[in-house]
Amino acid sequence: MPAATEILEPEEHVPAEPPPRPHVPFIFKLLTYCVQLPLLCLSTAFFGSISLLTGLWDKDGRQQHAIARVWAGTLLRLAFSPVEIIGAEHLRAAGPAVYASNHLSYYDTPVLFASLPFQFRILAKAPLWRIPFIGWYLNRSGQVPIDQSSARAGVTSLGRGVKTLKSGMPMVIFPEGGRAATGQLQPMAAGAAWMAIKAQVPLVPLTIVGTYELLPIHHIVLWPRKLKLVAGTPIDTVGMSTKDSEALTERLRRVIIATTHANSFG
């Protein structure tokens, strides 16, 4: 079994300098600041409030998840960025699984909520629970925070994810731990693989294409474009032990890199 810190954090590395973003047409800047940003904030507050109210009686999170899907679809429409789903047959398999995705942009979460055709829980950094509306939704809808204040706290958090999987609920996780500053896949922590192995459920690679160009890290201007979500073939973990976590994570990483190259918009 890998060390606890290897499960929780990608290996330390020095990221390359992010490539300069191409000049964004002035019309997109005007559209973002005057129309899209205000509407994005209002939509998040509106749907967050409804979700918070629904949480008073929605014990299994089904209605809150449906509201989150509408919120996500609204954000994508406001960004004029439709999503093409490739490999949808891999998303219709019955039973729980760990869905592990690359992480390029704040828009990755709306892509996943709008595109995945089932209820799921996300494993996300604990500080998100402190953000108004977003944190309230995460708390009331049963999402799983990952506490990285210590290795022991982190493994306990992963244990809650395993418990969620064993209850029959799929989990979604970004193994890189944060958005890619360069648009290239970063080293991955082994937590997603570890949870899949512990719960003996499939690990499903998800590859998002286009959100980095839509809204890269440290930018606030949207550049509308088509997006893709590619679901890879589920990787069976039956018979694996936690000692296989690192090898499984590397396999996951290779699949996402290859899928990204094969589906690039060029």
C-alpha atoms as a PDB file:
ATOM      1  CA  MET A   1       0.000   0.000   0.000  1.00  0.00           C
ATOM      2  CA  PRO A   2       1.364   3.462  -0.841  1.00  0.00           C
ATOM      3  CA  ALA A   3       2.152   5.859   1.955  1.00  0.00           C
ATOM      4  CA  ALA A   4      -0.793   7.947   3.129  1.00  0.00           C
ATOM      5  CA  THR A   5       0.718  11.123   1.681  1.00  0.00           C
ATOM      6  CA  GLU A   6       1.024   9.441  -1.724  1.00  0.00           C
ATOM      7  CA  ILE A   7      -2.678   8.553  -1.633  1.00  0.00           C
ATOM      8  CA  LEU A   8      -3.705  12.115  -0.798  1.00  0.00           C
ATOM      9  CA  GLU A   9      -1.320  14.352  -2.708  1.00  0.00           C
ATOM     10  CA  PRO A  10       0.203  14.149  -6.184  1.00  0.00           C
ATOM     11  CA  GLU A  11       3.983  13.970  -6.164  1.00  0.00           C
ATOM     12  CA  GLU A  12       5.603  17.342  -5.683  1.00  0.00           C
ATOM     13  CA  HIS A  13       6.572  18.996  -8.935  1.00  0.00           C
ATOM     14  CA  VAL A  14       7.376  22.376 -10.377  1.00  0.00           C
ATOM     15  CA  PRO A  15       4.663  23.257 -12.900  1.00  0.00           C
ATOM     16  CA  ALA A  16       5.706  24.638 -16.245  1.00  0.00           C
ATOM     17  CA  GLU A  17       4.858  28.221 -17.022  1.00  0.00           C
ATOM     18  CA  PRO A  18       1.290  28.363 -18.325  1.00  0.00           C
ATOM     19  CA  PRO A  19       1.114  29.116 -22.038  1.00  0.00           C
ATOM     20  CA  PRO A  20      -0.064  32.650 -22.787  1.00  0.00           C
ATOM     21  CA  ARG A  21      -3.767  32.735 -23.543  1.00  0.00           C
ATOM     22  CA  PRO A  22      -4.517  33.843 -27.110  1.00  0.00           C
ATOM     23  CA  HIS A  23      -5.923  37.339 -27.376  1.00  0.00           C
ATOM     24  CA  VAL A  24      -9.589  37.165 -26.427  1.00  0.00           C
ATOM     25  CA  PRO A  25     -11.794  39.273 -28.710  1.00  0.00           C
ATOM     26  CA  PHE A  26     -13.129  42.399 -27.023  1.00  0.00           C
ATOM     27  CA  ILE A  27     -16.711  41.307 -27.640  1.00  0.00           C
ATOM     28  CA  PHE A  28     -16.165  38.279 -25.382  1.00  0.00           C
ATOM     29  CA  LYS A  29     -14.760  40.486 -22.626  1.00  0.00           C
ATOM     30  CA  LEU A  30     -17.740  42.802 -22.874  1.00  0.00           C
ATOM     31  CA  LEU A  31     -20.148  39.860 -22.904  1.00  0.00           C
ATOM     32  CA  THR A  32     -18.478  38.258 -19.872  1.00  0.00           C
ATOM     33  CA  TYR A  33     -18.347  41.350 -17.667  1.00  0.00           C
ATOM     34  CA  CYS A  34     -21.694  42.882 -18.595  1.00  0.00           C
ATOM     35  CA  VAL A  35     -23.890  39.811 -19.088  1.00  0.00           C
ATOM     36  CA  GLN A  36     -22.438  36.427 -18.257  1.00  0.00           C
ATOM     37  CA  LEU A  37     -20.733  37.054 -14.896  1.00  0.00           C
ATOM     38  CA  PRO A  38     -23.783  38.755 -13.335  1.00  0.00           C
ATOM     39  CA  LEU A  39     -26.050  35.988 -14.620  1.00  0.00           C
ATOM     40  CA  LEU A  40     -23.652  33.259 -13.453  1.00  0.00           C
ATOM     41  CA  CYS A  41     -23.630  34.716  -9.937  1.00  0.00           C
ATOM     42  CA  LEU A  42     -27.408  35.142  -9.884  1.00  0.00           C
ATOM     43  CA  SER A  43     -27.951  31.599 -11.172  1.00  0.00           C
ATOM     44  CA  THR A  44     -25.652  30.117  -8.536  1.00  0.00           C
ATOM     45  CA  ALA A  45     -27.386  32.069  -5.767  1.00  0.00           C
ATOM     46  CA  PHE A  46     -30.849  31.213  -7.106  1.00  0.00           C
ATOM     47  CA  PHE A  47     -30.328  27.480  -7.550  1.00  0.00           C
ATOM     48  CA  GLY A  48     -28.260  27.304  -4.357  1.00  0.00           C
ATOM     49  CA  SER A  49     -31.145  28.794  -2.395  1.00  0.00           C
ATOM     50  CA  ILE A  50     -33.639  26.360  -3.911  1.00  0.00           C
ATOM     51  CA  SER A  51     -31.316  23.451  -3.174  1.00  0.00           C
ATOM     52  CA  LEU A  52     -30.859  24.620   0.393  1.00  0.00           C
ATOM     53  CA  LEU A  53     -34.632  24.758   0.862  1.00  0.00           C
ATOM     54  CA  THR A  54     -35.116  21.369  -0.783  1.00  0.00           C
ATOM     55  CA  GLY A  55     -32.529  19.887   1.569  1.00  0.00           C
ATOM     56  CA  LEU A  56     -34.963  20.321   4.457  1.00  0.00           C
ATOM     57  CA  TRP A  57     -36.895  17.256   3.252  1.00  0.00           C
ATOM     58  CA  ASP A  58     -34.748  15.680   0.511  1.00  0.00           C
ATOM     59  CA  LYS A  59     -32.993  13.004   2.576  1.00  0.00           C
ATOM     60  CA  ASP A  60     -31.434  11.023  -0.287  1.00  0.00           C
ATOM     61  CA  GLY A  61     -30.235  14.091  -2.224  1.00  0.00           C
ATOM     62  CA  ARG A  62     -32.096  13.146  -5.398  1.00  0.00           C
ATOM     63  CA  GLN A  63     -33.966  16.427  -5.756  1.00  0.00           C
ATOM     64  CA  GLN A  64     -30.888  18.478  -4.857  1.00  0.00           C
ATOM     65  CA  HIS A  65     -28.908  16.617  -7.494  1.00  0.00           C
ATOM     66  CA  ALA A  66     -31.616  17.367 -10.078  1.00  0.00           C
ATOM     67  CA  ILE A  67     -31.392  21.061  -9.168  1.00  0.00           C
ATOM     68  CA  ALA A  68     -27.592  20.914  -9.510  1.00  0.00           C
ATOM     69  CA  ARG A  69     -28.018  19.467 -13.005  1.00  0.00           C
ATOM     70  CA  VAL A  70     -30.278  22.360 -14.009  1.00  0.00           C
ATOM     71  CA  TRP A  71     -27.774  24.826 -12.505  1.00  0.00           C
ATOM     72  CA  ALA A  72     -24.918  23.205 -14.434  1.00  0.00           C
ATOM     73  CA  GLY A  73     -26.850  23.239 -17.700  1.00  0.00           C
ATOM     74  CA  THR A  74     -27.682  26.899 -17.153  1.00  0.00           C
ATOM     75  CA  LEU A  75     -24.008  27.790 -16.655  1.00  0.00           C
ATOM     76  CA  LEU A  76     -23.057  25.975 -19.852  1.00  0.00           C
ATOM     77  CA  ARG A  77     -25.787  27.722 -21.826  1.00  0.00           C
ATOM     78  CA  LEU A  78     -24.703  31.091 -20.453  1.00  0.00           C
ATOM     79  CA  ALA A  79     -21.173  30.276 -21.646  1.00  0.00           C
ATOM     80  CA  PHE A  80     -22.486  29.257 -25.107  1.00  0.00           C
ATOM     81  CA  SER A  81     -20.507  26.031 -24.702  1.00  0.00           C
ATOM     82  CA  PRO A  82     -22.406  22.816 -25.530  1.00  0.00           C
ATOM     83  CA  VAL A  83     -20.986  19.475 -24.404  1.00  0.00           C
ATOM     84  CA  GLU A  84     -20.548  16.465 -26.664  1.00  0.00           C
ATOM     85  CA  ILE A  85     -20.576  13.189 -24.718  1.00  0.00           C
ATOM     86  CA  ILE A  86     -18.423  10.394 -26.145  1.00  0.00           C
ATOM     87  CA  GLY A  87     -18.550   6.858 -24.764  1.00  0.00           C
ATOM     88  CA  ALA A  88     -21.974   7.360 -23.201  1.00  0.00           C
ATOM     89  CA  GLU A  89     -22.413   3.586 -23.065  1.00  0.00           C
ATOM     90  CA  HIS A  90     -19.803   3.499 -20.291  1.00  0.00           C
ATOM     91  CA  LEU A  91     -21.979   5.811 -18.210  1.00  0.00           C
ATOM     92  CA  ARG A  92     -25.035   3.574 -18.302  1.00  0.00           C
ATOM     93  CA  ALA A  93     -23.508   0.640 -16.445  1.00  0.00           C
ATOM     94  CA  ALA A  94     -25.447  -0.299 -13.324  1.00  0.00           C
ATOM     95  CA  GLY A  95     -23.884  -0.081  -9.882  1.00  0.00           C
ATOM     96  CA  PRO A  96     -21.429   2.218  -8.124  1.00  0.00           C
ATOM     97  CA  ALA A  97     -18.028   3.184  -9.508  1.00  0.00           C
ATOM     98  CA  VAL A  98     -15.317   5.779  -9.028  1.00  0.00           C
ATOM     99  CA  TYR A  99     -15.341   8.292 -11.898  1.00  0.00           C
ATOM    100  CA  ALA A 100     -11.935   9.987 -12.101  1.00  0.00           C
ATOM    101  CA  SER A 101     -11.591  13.095 -14.259  1.00  0.00           C
ATOM    102  CA  ASN A 102      -8.877  15.488 -15.350  1.00  0.00           C
ATOM    103  CA  HIS A 103      -9.274  19.017 -13.981  1.00  0.00           C
ATOM    104  CA  LEU A 104      -8.764  22.032 -16.238  1.00  0.00           C
ATOM    105  CA  SER A 105     -11.177  24.739 -15.169  1.00  0.00           C
ATOM    106  CA  TYR A 106     -13.943  25.842 -12.823  1.00  0.00           C
ATOM    107  CA  TYR A 107     -16.250  24.778 -15.647  1.00  0.00           C
ATOM    108  CA  ASP A 108     -15.342  21.087 -15.221  1.00  0.00           C
ATOM    109  CA  THR A 109     -17.857  20.697 -12.396  1.00  0.00           C
ATOM    110  CA  PRO A 110     -20.804  22.032 -14.453  1.00  0.00           C
ATOM    111  CA  VAL A 111     -19.753  19.740 -17.320  1.00  0.00           C
ATOM    112  CA  LEU A 112     -19.877  16.700 -15.043  1.00  0.00           C
ATOM    113  CA  PHE A 113     -23.145  17.586 -13.315  1.00  0.00           C
ATOM    114  CA  ALA A 114     -24.859  18.356 -16.620  1.00  0.00           C
ATOM    115  CA  SER A 115     -23.513  15.295 -18.449  1.00  0.00           C
ATOM    116  CA  LEU A 116     -23.421  12.320 -16.071  1.00  0.00           C
ATOM    117  CA  PRO A 117     -26.839  10.601 -16.274  1.00  0.00           C
ATOM    118  CA  PHE A 118     -27.002   9.442 -12.661  1.00  0.00           C
ATOM    119  CA  GLN A 119     -26.863  10.738  -9.134  1.00  0.00           C
ATOM    120  CA  PHE A 120     -23.389  10.793  -7.612  1.00  0.00           C
ATOM    121  CA  ARG A 121     -21.329  12.244  -4.809  1.00  0.00           C
ATOM    122  CA  ILE A 122     -18.150  14.246  -5.224  1.00  0.00           C
ATOM    123  CA  LEU A 123     -14.966  14.106  -3.176  1.00  0.00           C
ATOM    124  CA  ALA A 124     -13.745  17.696  -2.946  1.00  0.00           C
ATOM    125  CA  LYS A 125     -11.423  19.840  -0.869  1.00  0.00           C
ATOM    126  CA  ALA A 126     -12.856  20.777   2.518  1.00  0.00           C
ATOM    127  CA  PRO A 127     -12.371  24.581   2.033  1.00  0.00           C
ATOM    128  CA  LEU A 128     -15.124  24.534  -0.617  1.00  0.00           C
ATOM    129  CA  TRP A 129     -17.594  23.883   2.196  1.00  0.00           C
ATOM    130  CA  ARG A 130     -16.933  27.435   3.441  1.00  0.00           C
ATOM    131  CA  ILE A 131     -18.129  29.115   0.204  1.00  0.00           C
ATOM    132  CA  PRO A 132     -21.688  30.527   0.439  1.00  0.00           C
ATOM    133  CA  PHE A 133     -24.326  28.597  -1.531  1.00  0.00           C
ATOM    134  CA  ILE A 134     -21.747  26.153  -2.957  1.00  0.00           C
ATOM    135  CA  GLY A 135     -20.701  25.014   0.512  1.00  0.00           C
ATOM    136  CA  TRP A 136     -24.287  24.892   1.696  1.00  0.00           C
ATOM    137  CA  TYR A 137     -25.208  22.678  -1.242  1.00  0.00           C
ATOM    138  CA  LEU A 138     -22.214  20.406  -0.692  1.00  0.00           C
ATOM    139  CA  ASN A 139     -23.097  19.941   2.957  1.00  0.00           C
ATOM    140  CA  ARG A 140     -26.844  19.390   2.621  1.00  0.00           C
ATOM    141  CA  SER A 141     -26.584  17.108  -0.423  1.00  0.00           C
ATOM    142  CA  GLY A 142     -24.202  14.632   1.206  1.00  0.00           C
ATOM    143  CA  GLN A 143     -21.001  15.346  -0.727  1.00  0.00           C
ATOM    144  CA  VAL A 144     -17.749  14.101   0.817  1.00  0.00           C
ATOM    145  CA  PRO A 145     -15.075  16.609   1.954  1.00  0.00           C
ATOM    146  CA  ILE A 146     -11.418  15.609   1.799  1.00  0.00           C
ATOM    147  CA  ASP A 147      -9.537  16.924   4.814  1.00  0.00           C
ATOM    148  CA  GLN A 148      -5.853  17.243   3.941  1.00  0.00           C
ATOM    149  CA  SER A 149      -4.748  18.852   7.196  1.00  0.00           C
ATOM    150  CA  SER A 150      -2.943  15.605   8.004  1.00  0.00           C
ATOM    151  CA  ALA A 151      -2.364  12.207   6.420  1.00  0.00           C
ATOM    152  CA  ARG A 152      -4.588  10.550   9.014  1.00  0.00           C
ATOM    153  CA  ALA A 153      -7.459  12.993   8.395  1.00  0.00           C
ATOM    154  CA  GLY A 154      -7.119  12.472   4.672  1.00  0.00           C
ATOM    155  CA  VAL A 155      -7.304   8.688   4.877  1.00  0.00           C
ATOM    156  CA  THR A 156     -10.353   9.026   7.127  1.00  0.00           C
ATOM    157  CA  SER A 157     -11.951  11.181   4.421  1.00  0.00           C
ATOM    158  CA  LEU A 158     -11.200   8.545   1.786  1.00  0.00           C
ATOM    159  CA  GLY A 159     -12.781   5.999   4.101  1.00  0.00           C
ATOM    160  CA  ARG A 160     -16.005   8.014   4.008  1.00  0.00           C
ATOM    161  CA  GLY A 161     -15.810   7.857   0.229  1.00  0.00           C
ATOM    162  CA  VAL A 162     -15.458   4.067   0.365  1.00  0.00           C
ATOM    163  CA  LYS A 163     -18.487   3.899   2.658  1.00  0.00           C
ATOM    164  CA  THR A 164     -20.462   5.966   0.151  1.00  0.00           C
ATOM    165  CA  LEU A 165     -19.467   3.581  -2.653  1.00  0.00           C
ATOM    166  CA  LYS A 166     -20.459   0.539  -0.618  1.00  0.00           C
ATOM    167  CA  SER A 167     -23.871   2.121  -0.027  1.00  0.00           C
ATOM    168  CA  GLY A 168     -24.374   2.035  -3.803  1.00  0.00           C
ATOM    169  CA  MET A 169     -23.616   5.662  -4.675  1.00  0.00           C
ATOM    170  CA  PRO A 170     -21.044   6.500  -7.413  1.00  0.00           C
ATOM    171  CA  MET A 171     -18.203   8.885  -6.552  1.00  0.00           C
ATOM    172  CA  VAL A 172     -16.618  11.560  -8.766  1.00  0.00           C
ATOM    173  CA  ILE A 173     -13.103  12.821  -8.031  1.00  0.00           C
ATOM    174  CA  PHE A 174     -10.353  14.964  -9.592  1.00  0.00           C
ATOM    175  CA  PRO A 175      -7.177  12.960  -8.797  1.00  0.00           C
ATOM    176  CA  GLU A 176      -4.898  15.880  -9.715  1.00  0.00           C
ATOM    177  CA  GLY A 177      -6.180  17.699  -6.648  1.00  0.00           C
ATOM    178  CA  GLY A 178      -6.601  21.036  -8.422  1.00  0.00           C
ATOM    179  CA  ARG A 179      -6.924  22.754 -11.773  1.00  0.00           C
ATOM    180  CA  ALA A 180      -4.053  22.312 -14.230  1.00  0.00           C
ATOM    181  CA  ALA A 181      -2.171  25.601 -14.550  1.00  0.00           C
ATOM    182  CA  THR A 182      -0.845  24.717 -18.005  1.00  0.00           C
ATOM    183  CA  GLY A 183      -3.774  22.796 -19.453  1.00  0.00           C
ATOM    184  CA  GLN A 184      -1.663  19.619 -19.352  1.00  0.00           C
ATOM    185  CA  LEU A 185      -2.465  16.652 -17.116  1.00  0.00           C
ATOM    186  CA  GLN A 186      -0.616  16.916 -13.804  1.00  0.00           C
ATOM    187  CA  PRO A 187       0.601  14.107 -11.493  1.00  0.00           C
ATOM    188  CA  MET A 188      -2.266  12.276  -9.830  1.00  0.00           C
ATOM    189  CA  ALA A 189      -2.783  11.193  -6.242  1.00  0.00           C
ATOM    190  CA  ALA A 190      -3.733   7.559  -5.749  1.00  0.00           C
ATOM    191  CA  GLY A 191      -6.883   8.282  -3.727  1.00  0.00           C
ATOM    192  CA  ALA A 192      -9.348   7.514  -6.529  1.00  0.00           C
ATOM    193  CA  ALA A 193      -7.706   4.165  -7.282  1.00  0.00           C
ATOM    194  CA  TRP A 194      -7.421   3.377  -3.563  1.00  0.00           C
ATOM    195  CA  MET A 195     -11.146   3.972  -2.994  1.00  0.00           C
ATOM    196  CA  ALA A 196     -12.128   1.902  -6.040  1.00  0.00           C
ATOM    197  CA  ILE A 197      -9.957  -0.995  -4.877  1.00  0.00           C
ATOM    198  CA  LYS A 198     -11.143  -0.822  -1.260  1.00  0.00           C
ATOM    199  CA  ALA A 199     -14.780  -0.837  -2.398  1.00  0.00           C
ATOM    200  CA  GLN A 200     -14.049  -3.336  -5.214  1.00  0.00           C
ATOM    201  CA  VAL A 201     -15.867  -1.189  -7.777  1.00  0.00           C
ATOM    202  CA  PRO A 202     -14.762  -0.125 -11.284  1.00  0.00           C
ATOM    203  CA  LEU A 203     -12.569   2.914 -11.899  1.00  0.00           C
ATOM    204  CA  VAL A 204     -13.910   4.883 -14.869  1.00  0.00           C
ATOM    205  CA  PRO A 205     -11.618   7.389 -16.654  1.00  0.00           C
ATOM    206  CA  LEU A 206     -13.308  10.677 -17.612  1.00  0.00           C
ATOM    207  CA  THR A 207     -11.582  13.121 -19.942  1.00  0.00           C
ATOM    208  CA  ILE A 208     -12.802  16.694 -20.313  1.00  0.00           C
ATOM    209  CA  VAL A 209     -11.669  18.612 -23.393  1.00  0.00           C
ATOM    210  CA  GLY A 210     -12.077  22.330 -24.039  1.00  0.00           C
ATOM    211  CA  THR A 211     -12.744  23.823 -20.610  1.00  0.00           C
ATOM    212  CA  TYR A 212      -9.172  25.080 -20.257  1.00  0.00           C
ATOM    213  CA  GLU A 213      -9.621  27.202 -23.366  1.00  0.00           C
ATOM    214  CA  LEU A 214     -13.074  28.287 -22.182  1.00  0.00           C
ATOM    215  CA  LEU A 215     -11.893  29.473 -18.765  1.00  0.00           C
ATOM    216  CA  PRO A 216      -8.273  28.728 -17.748  1.00  0.00           C
ATOM    217  CA  ILE A 217      -7.023  29.194 -14.215  1.00  0.00           C
ATOM    218  CA  HIS A 218      -6.436  32.836 -13.147  1.00  0.00           C
ATOM    219  CA  HIS A 219      -8.713  34.185 -15.907  1.00  0.00           C
ATOM    220  CA  ILE A 220     -12.285  35.449 -15.673  1.00  0.00           C
ATOM    221  CA  VAL A 221     -13.176  36.026 -19.326  1.00  0.00           C
ATOM    222  CA  LEU A 222     -15.165  33.258 -21.014  1.00  0.00           C
ATOM    223  CA  TRP A 223     -14.258  32.224 -24.550  1.00  0.00           C
ATOM    224  CA  PRO A 224     -17.281  30.198 -25.810  1.00  0.00           C
ATOM    225  CA  ARG A 225     -16.511  26.923 -27.571  1.00  0.00           C
ATOM    226  CA  LYS A 226     -17.640  23.334 -27.944  1.00  0.00           C
ATOM    227  CA  LEU A 227     -16.646  20.979 -25.118  1.00  0.00           C
ATOM    228  CA  LYS A 228     -16.239  17.216 -24.881  1.00  0.00           C
ATOM    229  CA  LEU A 229     -16.653  14.690 -22.096  1.00  0.00           C
ATOM    230  CA  VAL A 230     -15.153  11.307 -22.989  1.00  0.00           C
ATOM    231  CA  ALA A 231     -15.996   8.309 -20.810  1.00  0.00           C
ATOM    232  CA  GLY A 232     -13.406   5.555 -21.010  1.00  0.00           C
ATOM    233  CA  THR A 233     -13.853   1.823 -20.562  1.00  0.00           C
ATOM    234  CA  PRO A 234     -14.372   0.987 -16.862  1.00  0.00           C
ATOM    235  CA  ILE A 235     -11.324  -0.641 -15.266  1.00  0.00           C
ATOM    236  CA  ASP A 236     -12.270  -3.632 -13.127  1.00  0.00           C
ATOM    237  CA  THR A 237     -10.654  -3.671  -9.681  1.00  0.00           C
ATOM    238  CA  VAL A 238     -11.986  -7.001  -8.434  1.00  0.00           C
ATOM    239  CA  GLY A 239      -9.095  -8.993  -6.986  1.00  0.00           C
ATOM    240  CA  MET A 240      -6.778  -5.986  -6.700  1.00  0.00           C
ATOM    241  CA  SER A 241      -5.291  -4.933  -3.378  1.00  0.00           C
ATOM    242  CA  THR A 242      -4.422  -1.431  -2.185  1.00  0.00           C
ATOM    243  CA  LYS A 243      -0.804  -2.239  -3.121  1.00  0.00           C
ATOM    244  CA  ASP A 244      -1.984  -1.860  -6.730  1.00  0.00           C
ATOM    245  CA  SER A 245      -3.162   1.740  -6.203  1.00  0.00           C
ATOM    246  CA  GLU A 246      -0.143   3.413  -7.742  1.00  0.00           C
ATOM    247  CA  ALA A 247      -0.075   1.133 -10.802  1.00  0.00           C
ATOM    248  CA  LEU A 248      -3.804   1.647 -11.313  1.00  0.00           C
ATOM    249  CA  THR A 249      -3.378   5.418 -10.999  1.00  0.00           C
ATOM    250  CA  GLU A 250      -0.649   5.391 -13.633  1.00  0.00           C
ATOM    251  CA  ARG A 251      -2.903   3.343 -15.915  1.00  0.00           C
ATOM    252  CA  LEU A 252      -5.674   5.901 -15.387  1.00  0.00           C
ATOM    253  CA  ARG A 253      -3.287   8.743 -16.190  1.00  0.00           C
ATOM    254  CA  ARG A 254      -2.107   7.116 -19.425  1.00  0.00           C
ATOM    255  CA  VAL A 255      -5.713   6.605 -20.562  1.00  0.00           C
ATOM    256  CA  ILE A 256      -6.640  10.261 -19.945  1.00  0.00           C
ATOM    257  CA  ILE A 257      -3.510  11.545 -21.722  1.00  0.00           C
ATOM    258  CA  ALA A 258      -4.194   9.351 -24.768  1.00  0.00           C
ATOM    259  CA  THR A 259      -7.864  10.313 -24.804  1.00  0.00           C
ATOM    260  CA  THR A 260      -7.047  14.005 -24.597  1.00  0.00           C
ATOM    261  CA  HIS A 261      -4.728  13.769 -27.596  1.00  0.00           C
ATOM    262  CA  ALA A 262      -7.251  11.751 -29.598  1.00  0.00           C
ATOM    263  CA  ASN A 263     -10.073  14.209 -28.952  1.00  0.00           C
ATOM    264  CA  SER A 264      -8.301  17.540 -29.168  1.00  0.00           C
ATOM    265  CA  PHE A 265     -10.101  20.151 -31.195  1.00  0.00           C
ATOM    266  CA  GLY A 266      -6.744  21.078 -32.735  1.00  0.00           C
END
